[in-house]
Amino acid sequence: MSRFRFVYFDAAGTLISPHPSVGEVYLEAGAPLGLVATPEGLNRAFTRAWIHYTQRGPGGPMSAIADEAATRRWWQGLVYEVLREVGFDGDQERVFEACYAAFSSARAWRIFEDSVPTLRAFREAGVRLGVLSNWDHRLPPLLETLGLAQYFEVLVVSALEGVEKPDPAIFLRAIERVGLKPEEILYVGDHRHLDVDPARALGIQAYLVDRKGKGGDYAIPSLLELLTIAGLR
């Protein structure tokens, strides 16, 4: 029997990852429209644009993009910034549309090898499961497309909630949504500041999935380690 009654998972970097990379997906989508760049250059440009848009730039937090029109505008601004940085002077609108469509497809994502076995084991043990993620409105249909939605009872998505990690409010909402005490909930993410620290501050037993082996407090090398933590093996 599990020590926990509910397990929340972060999405990107925890259950799934862009495949092969953001830059490679953008290049495949944009090359037929005249985009000339390297995946490495696009990845660097995307990382800088992401920081700009999510931390201090005109895009604002992801929690502000609650509907499809707002989502498209937010991502359009970010992709335009990426294209400007790599020197693209063609039709930015067409390239943006291609990149946006690409990331709505299952082809642009990889499910980590430890994700499904972990989800199945918890489900077979009768443990309820959910997702708690900073994402836009496309996450629920993407999980359906990837075949992962079947495992989750609750989805707490920042853009749909109007608040995002590491704000304690989204964790409090996740606790309330399942009607349990914080100590009855297990949570795993791939970012210490966004996931582990705020969750543990509220009494949730949170862990950092650390597949690259950097180590540190509450770091685990695989999602399968959660089964040991929960007392299921």
C-alpha atoms as a PDB file:
ATOM      1  CA  MET A   1       0.000   0.000   0.000  1.00  0.00           C
ATOM      2  CA  SER A   2       1.295   3.447  -0.928  1.00  0.00           C
ATOM      3  CA  ARG A   3       2.336   5.996   1.690  1.00  0.00           C
ATOM      4  CA  PHE A   4       0.634   8.615  -0.513  1.00  0.00           C
ATOM      5  CA  ARG A   5      -2.900   8.932  -1.783  1.00  0.00           C
ATOM      6  CA  PHE A   6      -2.163  11.210  -4.730  1.00  0.00           C
ATOM      7  CA  VAL A   7       0.827  11.913  -6.973  1.00  0.00           C
ATOM      8  CA  TYR A   8       1.204  15.076  -9.061  1.00  0.00           C
ATOM      9  CA  PHE A   9       3.660  15.198 -11.964  1.00  0.00           C
ATOM     10  CA  ASP A  10       5.134  18.195 -13.728  1.00  0.00           C
ATOM     11  CA  ALA A  11       4.942  17.819 -17.538  1.00  0.00           C
ATOM     12  CA  ALA A  12       7.855  19.160 -19.626  1.00  0.00           C
ATOM     13  CA  GLY A  13      11.198  17.840 -18.458  1.00  0.00           C
ATOM     14  CA  THR A  14       9.486  15.364 -16.137  1.00  0.00           C
ATOM     15  CA  LEU A  15       7.089  13.242 -18.204  1.00  0.00           C
ATOM     16  CA  ILE A  16       7.859  14.519 -21.702  1.00  0.00           C
ATOM     17  CA  SER A  17      10.513  16.502 -23.566  1.00  0.00           C
ATOM     18  CA  PRO A  18      10.764  18.301 -26.945  1.00  0.00           C
ATOM     19  CA  HIS A  19      12.136  15.849 -29.510  1.00  0.00           C
ATOM     20  CA  PRO A  20      14.768  15.922 -30.801  1.00  0.00           C
ATOM     21  CA  SER A  21      15.020  19.537 -29.519  1.00  0.00           C
ATOM     22  CA  VAL A  22      13.183  22.842 -29.873  1.00  0.00           C
ATOM     23  CA  GLY A  23      15.710  23.999 -32.452  1.00  0.00           C
ATOM     24  CA  GLU A  24      15.373  20.866 -34.555  1.00  0.00           C
ATOM     25  CA  VAL A  25      11.580  21.034 -34.505  1.00  0.00           C
ATOM     26  CA  TYR A  26      11.655  24.701 -35.517  1.00  0.00           C
ATOM     27  CA  LEU A  27      14.148  24.015 -38.302  1.00  0.00           C
ATOM     28  CA  GLU A  28      12.146  21.118 -39.708  1.00  0.00           C
ATOM     29  CA  ALA A  29       9.000  23.255 -39.691  1.00  0.00           C
ATOM     30  CA  GLY A  30      10.628  26.399 -41.062  1.00  0.00           C
ATOM     31  CA  ALA A  31      13.140  25.107 -43.608  1.00  0.00           C
ATOM     32  CA  PRO A  32      10.526  24.584 -46.360  1.00  0.00           C
ATOM     33  CA  LEU A  33       9.597  28.263 -45.839  1.00  0.00           C
ATOM     34  CA  GLY A  34      13.144  29.546 -46.208  1.00  0.00           C
ATOM     35  CA  LEU A  35      14.454  29.326 -42.647  1.00  0.00           C
ATOM     36  CA  VAL A  36      18.223  28.816 -42.743  1.00  0.00           C
ATOM     37  CA  ALA A  37      19.812  28.224 -39.350  1.00  0.00           C
ATOM     38  CA  THR A  38      21.352  25.511 -37.202  1.00  0.00           C
ATOM     39  CA  PRO A  39      19.474  23.634 -34.475  1.00  0.00           C
ATOM     40  CA  GLU A  40      22.088  24.847 -31.995  1.00  0.00           C
ATOM     41  CA  GLY A  41      21.594  28.466 -33.009  1.00  0.00           C
ATOM     42  CA  LEU A  42      17.828  28.145 -32.764  1.00  0.00           C
ATOM     43  CA  ASN A  43      18.112  26.483 -29.356  1.00  0.00           C
ATOM     44  CA  ARG A  44      20.283  29.326 -28.050  1.00  0.00           C
ATOM     45  CA  ALA A  45      17.912  31.927 -29.459  1.00  0.00           C
ATOM     46  CA  PHE A  46      14.905  30.138 -27.996  1.00  0.00           C
ATOM     47  CA  THR A  47      16.489  29.940 -24.540  1.00  0.00           C
ATOM     48  CA  ARG A  48      17.182  33.685 -24.533  1.00  0.00           C
ATOM     49  CA  ALA A  49      13.720  34.517 -25.846  1.00  0.00           C
ATOM     50  CA  TRP A  50      12.088  32.223 -23.282  1.00  0.00           C
ATOM     51  CA  ILE A  51      13.861  33.971 -20.413  1.00  0.00           C
ATOM     52  CA  HIS A  52      12.926  37.348 -21.873  1.00  0.00           C
ATOM     53  CA  TYR A  53       9.268  36.471 -22.304  1.00  0.00           C
ATOM     54  CA  THR A  54       8.663  34.580 -19.090  1.00  0.00           C
ATOM     55  CA  GLN A  55      10.748  36.585 -16.630  1.00  0.00           C
ATOM     56  CA  ARG A  56      11.015  40.208 -17.670  1.00  0.00           C
ATOM     57  CA  GLY A  57       9.770  40.788 -21.179  1.00  0.00           C
ATOM     58  CA  PRO A  58       6.580  41.841 -22.985  1.00  0.00           C
ATOM     59  CA  GLY A  59       5.110  38.355 -22.956  1.00  0.00           C
ATOM     60  CA  GLY A  60       4.548  38.241 -19.236  1.00  0.00           C
ATOM     61  CA  PRO A  61       3.924  35.041 -17.291  1.00  0.00           C
ATOM     62  CA  MET A  62       2.458  31.969 -18.940  1.00  0.00           C
ATOM     63  CA  SER A  63      -0.464  32.214 -16.517  1.00  0.00           C
ATOM     64  CA  ALA A  64      -1.650  35.244 -18.503  1.00  0.00           C
ATOM     65  CA  ILE A  65      -2.387  33.250 -21.688  1.00  0.00           C
ATOM     66  CA  ALA A  66      -5.646  31.569 -20.821  1.00  0.00           C
ATOM     67  CA  ASP A  67      -7.315  31.280 -24.242  1.00  0.00           C
ATOM     68  CA  GLU A  68      -6.262  30.227 -27.715  1.00  0.00           C
ATOM     69  CA  ALA A  69      -6.026  33.744 -29.154  1.00  0.00           C
ATOM     70  CA  ALA A  70      -3.851  34.955 -26.284  1.00  0.00           C
ATOM     71  CA  THR A  71      -1.724  31.817 -26.525  1.00  0.00           C
ATOM     72  CA  ARG A  72      -1.063  32.379 -30.203  1.00  0.00           C
ATOM     73  CA  ARG A  73      -0.102  36.038 -29.630  1.00  0.00           C
ATOM     74  CA  TRP A  74       2.254  35.090 -26.792  1.00  0.00           C
ATOM     75  CA  TRP A  75       4.035  32.424 -28.801  1.00  0.00           C
ATOM     76  CA  GLN A  76       4.062  34.563 -31.941  1.00  0.00           C
ATOM     77  CA  GLY A  77       6.026  37.277 -30.142  1.00  0.00           C
ATOM     78  CA  LEU A  78       8.495  34.733 -28.781  1.00  0.00           C
ATOM     79  CA  VAL A  79       9.026  32.951 -32.116  1.00  0.00           C
ATOM     80  CA  TYR A  80       9.461  36.286 -33.928  1.00  0.00           C
ATOM     81  CA  GLU A  81      12.210  37.135 -31.455  1.00  0.00           C
ATOM     82  CA  VAL A  82      13.902  33.781 -32.145  1.00  0.00           C
ATOM     83  CA  LEU A  83      13.700  34.375 -35.908  1.00  0.00           C
ATOM     84  CA  ARG A  84      15.137  37.879 -35.626  1.00  0.00           C
ATOM     85  CA  GLU A  85      18.064  36.593 -33.581  1.00  0.00           C
ATOM     86  CA  VAL A  86      19.017  33.973 -36.173  1.00  0.00           C
ATOM     87  CA  GLY A  87      18.776  36.573 -38.952  1.00  0.00           C
ATOM     88  CA  PHE A  88      15.671  35.319 -40.724  1.00  0.00           C
ATOM     89  CA  ASP A  89      14.182  38.028 -42.966  1.00  0.00           C
ATOM     90  CA  GLY A  90      11.479  36.013 -44.701  1.00  0.00           C
ATOM     91  CA  ASP A  91       7.792  35.535 -43.917  1.00  0.00           C
ATOM     92  CA  GLN A  92       7.808  35.346 -40.114  1.00  0.00           C
ATOM     93  CA  GLU A  93       4.073  34.742 -39.916  1.00  0.00           C
ATOM     94  CA  ARG A  94       4.190  31.587 -42.047  1.00  0.00           C
ATOM     95  CA  VAL A  95       7.184  30.215 -40.145  1.00  0.00           C
ATOM     96  CA  PHE A  96       5.490  30.950 -36.819  1.00  0.00           C
ATOM     97  CA  GLU A  97       2.333  29.109 -37.931  1.00  0.00           C
ATOM     98  CA  ALA A  98       4.421  26.096 -38.953  1.00  0.00           C
ATOM     99  CA  CYS A  99       6.343  26.038 -35.660  1.00  0.00           C
ATOM    100  CA  TYR A 100       3.188  26.501 -33.584  1.00  0.00           C
ATOM    101  CA  ALA A 101       1.457  23.640 -35.389  1.00  0.00           C
ATOM    102  CA  ALA A 102       4.527  21.423 -35.022  1.00  0.00           C
ATOM    103  CA  PHE A 103       4.514  21.664 -31.249  1.00  0.00           C
ATOM    104  CA  SER A 104       0.849  20.739 -31.080  1.00  0.00           C
ATOM    105  CA  SER A 105       1.774  17.405 -32.645  1.00  0.00           C
ATOM    106  CA  ALA A 106       2.930  14.277 -30.841  1.00  0.00           C
ATOM    107  CA  ARG A 107       5.887  14.101 -33.272  1.00  0.00           C
ATOM    108  CA  ALA A 108       7.543  17.029 -31.487  1.00  0.00           C
ATOM    109  CA  TRP A 109       7.543  15.310 -28.107  1.00  0.00           C
ATOM    110  CA  ARG A 110       9.252  12.330 -26.524  1.00  0.00           C
ATOM    111  CA  ILE A 111       7.815  10.469 -23.548  1.00  0.00           C
ATOM    112  CA  PHE A 112      10.635   9.622 -21.150  1.00  0.00           C
ATOM    113  CA  GLU A 113      11.202   5.862 -20.811  1.00  0.00           C
ATOM    114  CA  ASP A 114      10.444   5.884 -17.095  1.00  0.00           C
ATOM    115  CA  SER A 115       7.162   7.826 -17.414  1.00  0.00           C
ATOM    116  CA  VAL A 116       4.627   5.195 -18.479  1.00  0.00           C
ATOM    117  CA  PRO A 117       5.973   2.369 -16.254  1.00  0.00           C
ATOM    118  CA  THR A 118       5.765   4.705 -13.267  1.00  0.00           C
ATOM    119  CA  LEU A 119       2.258   5.871 -14.094  1.00  0.00           C
ATOM    120  CA  ARG A 120       1.066   2.308 -14.642  1.00  0.00           C
ATOM    121  CA  ALA A 121       2.521   1.104 -11.342  1.00  0.00           C
ATOM    122  CA  PHE A 122       0.835   3.856  -9.372  1.00  0.00           C
ATOM    123  CA  ARG A 123      -2.478   3.277 -11.130  1.00  0.00           C
ATOM    124  CA  GLU A 124      -2.320  -0.463 -10.487  1.00  0.00           C
ATOM    125  CA  ALA A 125      -1.680   0.295  -6.806  1.00  0.00           C
ATOM    126  CA  GLY A 126      -4.825   2.435  -6.695  1.00  0.00           C
ATOM    127  CA  VAL A 127      -2.989   5.742  -6.283  1.00  0.00           C
ATOM    128  CA  ARG A 128      -4.703   8.741  -7.867  1.00  0.00           C
ATOM    129  CA  LEU A 129      -2.635  10.807 -10.319  1.00  0.00           C
ATOM    130  CA  GLY A 130      -2.547  14.335 -11.698  1.00  0.00           C
ATOM    131  CA  VAL A 131      -0.471  16.890 -13.583  1.00  0.00           C
ATOM    132  CA  LEU A 132       0.624  20.234 -12.153  1.00  0.00           C
ATOM    133  CA  SER A 133       2.374  22.239 -14.858  1.00  0.00           C
ATOM    134  CA  ASN A 134       3.236  25.680 -16.173  1.00  0.00           C
ATOM    135  CA  TRP A 135       1.763  25.355 -19.685  1.00  0.00           C
ATOM    136  CA  ASP A 136      -0.790  26.897 -22.010  1.00  0.00           C
ATOM    137  CA  HIS A 137      -4.240  25.592 -22.957  1.00  0.00           C
ATOM    138  CA  ARG A 138      -2.746  23.049 -25.389  1.00  0.00           C
ATOM    139  CA  LEU A 139      -1.500  20.707 -22.656  1.00  0.00           C
ATOM    140  CA  PRO A 140      -4.727  18.718 -22.084  1.00  0.00           C
ATOM    141  CA  PRO A 141      -5.198  17.841 -25.782  1.00  0.00           C
ATOM    142  CA  LEU A 142      -1.469  17.112 -26.123  1.00  0.00           C
ATOM    143  CA  LEU A 143      -1.652  14.613 -23.255  1.00  0.00           C
ATOM    144  CA  GLU A 144      -4.586  12.982 -25.049  1.00  0.00           C
ATOM    145  CA  THR A 145      -2.610  12.798 -28.292  1.00  0.00           C
ATOM    146  CA  LEU A 146       0.373  11.254 -26.502  1.00  0.00           C
ATOM    147  CA  GLY A 147      -1.807   8.646 -24.813  1.00  0.00           C
ATOM    148  CA  LEU A 148      -1.020   9.940 -21.316  1.00  0.00           C
ATOM    149  CA  ALA A 149      -4.312  11.599 -20.394  1.00  0.00           C
ATOM    150  CA  GLN A 150      -5.819   8.234 -19.394  1.00  0.00           C
ATOM    151  CA  TYR A 151      -3.646   8.161 -16.276  1.00  0.00           C
ATOM    152  CA  PHE A 152      -4.681  11.515 -14.825  1.00  0.00           C
ATOM    153  CA  GLU A 153      -7.686  12.423 -12.739  1.00  0.00           C
ATOM    154  CA  VAL A 154      -6.724  16.082 -12.252  1.00  0.00           C
ATOM    155  CA  LEU A 155      -4.925  18.600 -14.498  1.00  0.00           C
ATOM    156  CA  VAL A 156      -3.744  21.844 -12.914  1.00  0.00           C
ATOM    157  CA  VAL A 157      -2.433  23.949 -15.818  1.00  0.00           C
ATOM    158  CA  SER A 158      -1.094  27.446 -15.130  1.00  0.00           C
ATOM    159  CA  ALA A 159      -2.728  29.220 -18.069  1.00  0.00           C
ATOM    160  CA  LEU A 160      -6.106  27.691 -17.220  1.00  0.00           C
ATOM    161  CA  GLU A 161      -5.721  28.564 -13.527  1.00  0.00           C
ATOM    162  CA  GLY A 162      -4.419  32.111 -14.015  1.00  0.00           C
ATOM    163  CA  VAL A 163      -1.464  31.489 -11.707  1.00  0.00           C
ATOM    164  CA  GLU A 164       1.817  29.665 -12.174  1.00  0.00           C
ATOM    165  CA  LYS A 165       4.626  27.982 -10.278  1.00  0.00           C
ATOM    166  CA  PRO A 166       6.402  28.886  -8.048  1.00  0.00           C
ATOM    167  CA  ASP A 167       3.443  30.907  -6.703  1.00  0.00           C
ATOM    168  CA  PRO A 168       2.114  29.010  -3.659  1.00  0.00           C
ATOM    169  CA  ALA A 169      -1.413  29.714  -4.876  1.00  0.00           C
ATOM    170  CA  ILE A 170      -1.240  27.119  -7.646  1.00  0.00           C
ATOM    171  CA  PHE A 171       0.007  24.473  -5.206  1.00  0.00           C
ATOM    172  CA  LEU A 172      -2.747  25.354  -2.733  1.00  0.00           C
ATOM    173  CA  ARG A 173      -5.244  25.014  -5.565  1.00  0.00           C
ATOM    174  CA  ALA A 174      -3.789  21.601  -6.447  1.00  0.00           C
ATOM    175  CA  ILE A 175      -4.137  20.482  -2.827  1.00  0.00           C
ATOM    176  CA  GLU A 176      -7.730  21.721  -2.647  1.00  0.00           C
ATOM    177  CA  ARG A 177      -8.596  20.066  -5.968  1.00  0.00           C
ATOM    178  CA  VAL A 178      -7.921  16.585  -4.596  1.00  0.00           C
ATOM    179  CA  GLY A 179      -9.327  17.123  -1.089  1.00  0.00           C
ATOM    180  CA  LEU A 180      -6.295  15.766   0.759  1.00  0.00           C
ATOM    181  CA  LYS A 181      -3.758  16.942   3.303  1.00  0.00           C
ATOM    182  CA  PRO A 182      -0.421  18.150   1.849  1.00  0.00           C
ATOM    183  CA  GLU A 183       1.475  15.287   3.488  1.00  0.00           C
ATOM    184  CA  GLU A 184      -0.736  12.791   1.630  1.00  0.00           C
ATOM    185  CA  ILE A 185       0.478  14.153  -1.710  1.00  0.00           C
ATOM    186  CA  LEU A 186       3.673  13.254  -3.581  1.00  0.00           C
ATOM    187  CA  TYR A 187       4.944  15.622  -6.290  1.00  0.00           C
ATOM    188  CA  VAL A 188       7.790  15.443  -8.797  1.00  0.00           C
ATOM    189  CA  GLY A 189       9.227  18.033 -11.154  1.00  0.00           C
ATOM    190  CA  ASP A 190      12.476  18.877 -12.896  1.00  0.00           C
ATOM    191  CA  HIS A 191      13.129  22.336 -11.435  1.00  0.00           C
ATOM    192  CA  ARG A 192      14.120  22.971  -7.837  1.00  0.00           C
ATOM    193  CA  HIS A 193      12.928  26.599  -7.683  1.00  0.00           C
ATOM    194  CA  LEU A 194       9.650  26.052  -9.544  1.00  0.00           C
ATOM    195  CA  ASP A 195       8.741  22.609  -8.243  1.00  0.00           C
ATOM    196  CA  VAL A 196      10.502  21.245  -5.187  1.00  0.00           C
ATOM    197  CA  ASP A 197      11.011  24.291  -2.968  1.00  0.00           C
ATOM    198  CA  PRO A 198       7.478  25.779  -3.146  1.00  0.00           C
ATOM    199  CA  ALA A 199       5.794  22.386  -2.800  1.00  0.00           C
ATOM    200  CA  ARG A 200       7.847  21.376   0.245  1.00  0.00           C
ATOM    201  CA  ALA A 201       7.211  24.760   1.844  1.00  0.00           C
ATOM    202  CA  LEU A 202       3.530  23.764   1.932  1.00  0.00           C
ATOM    203  CA  GLY A 203       4.131  20.260   3.286  1.00  0.00           C
ATOM    204  CA  ILE A 204       3.919  18.350   0.002  1.00  0.00           C
ATOM    205  CA  GLN A 205       6.553  15.617  -0.339  1.00  0.00           C
ATOM    206  CA  ALA A 206       8.285  16.851  -3.497  1.00  0.00           C
ATOM    207  CA  TYR A 207      11.220  15.402  -5.417  1.00  0.00           C
ATOM    208  CA  LEU A 208      13.439  16.554  -8.264  1.00  0.00           C
ATOM    209  CA  VAL A 209      13.816  14.164 -11.188  1.00  0.00           C
ATOM    210  CA  ASP A 210      17.503  14.477 -12.057  1.00  0.00           C
ATOM    211  CA  ARG A 211      18.262  12.243 -15.028  1.00  0.00           C
ATOM    212  CA  LYS A 212      21.621  13.965 -15.629  1.00  0.00           C
ATOM    213  CA  GLY A 213      22.881  13.072 -12.158  1.00  0.00           C
ATOM    214  CA  LYS A 214      23.632  16.557 -10.836  1.00  0.00           C
ATOM    215  CA  GLY A 215      22.488  15.520  -7.350  1.00  0.00           C
ATOM    216  CA  GLY A 216      21.328  17.621  -4.434  1.00  0.00           C
ATOM    217  CA  ASP A 217      18.577  17.401  -1.849  1.00  0.00           C
ATOM    218  CA  TYR A 218      15.530  15.369  -2.853  1.00  0.00           C
ATOM    219  CA  ALA A 219      17.026  14.482  -6.261  1.00  0.00           C
ATOM    220  CA  ILE A 220      16.113  11.146  -7.830  1.00  0.00           C
ATOM    221  CA  PRO A 221      17.643   9.695 -11.036  1.00  0.00           C
ATOM    222  CA  SER A 222      14.397   8.260 -12.387  1.00  0.00           C
ATOM    223  CA  LEU A 223      10.654   8.548 -11.886  1.00  0.00           C
ATOM    224  CA  LEU A 224      10.695   4.869 -10.947  1.00  0.00           C
ATOM    225  CA  GLU A 225      12.365   5.888  -7.672  1.00  0.00           C
ATOM    226  CA  LEU A 226       9.002   7.355  -6.655  1.00  0.00           C
ATOM    227  CA  LEU A 227       7.678   3.820  -6.308  1.00  0.00           C
ATOM    228  CA  THR A 228      10.274   3.113  -3.615  1.00  0.00           C
ATOM    229  CA  ILE A 229       9.570   6.432  -1.909  1.00  0.00           C
ATOM    230  CA  ALA A 230       5.852   5.593  -1.907  1.00  0.00           C
ATOM    231  CA  GLY A 231       6.531   2.144  -0.426  1.00  0.00           C
ATOM    232  CA  LEU A 232       5.358   0.211  -3.461  1.00  0.00           C
ATOM    233  CA  ARG A 233       8.579  -1.739  -3.961  1.00  0.00           C
END
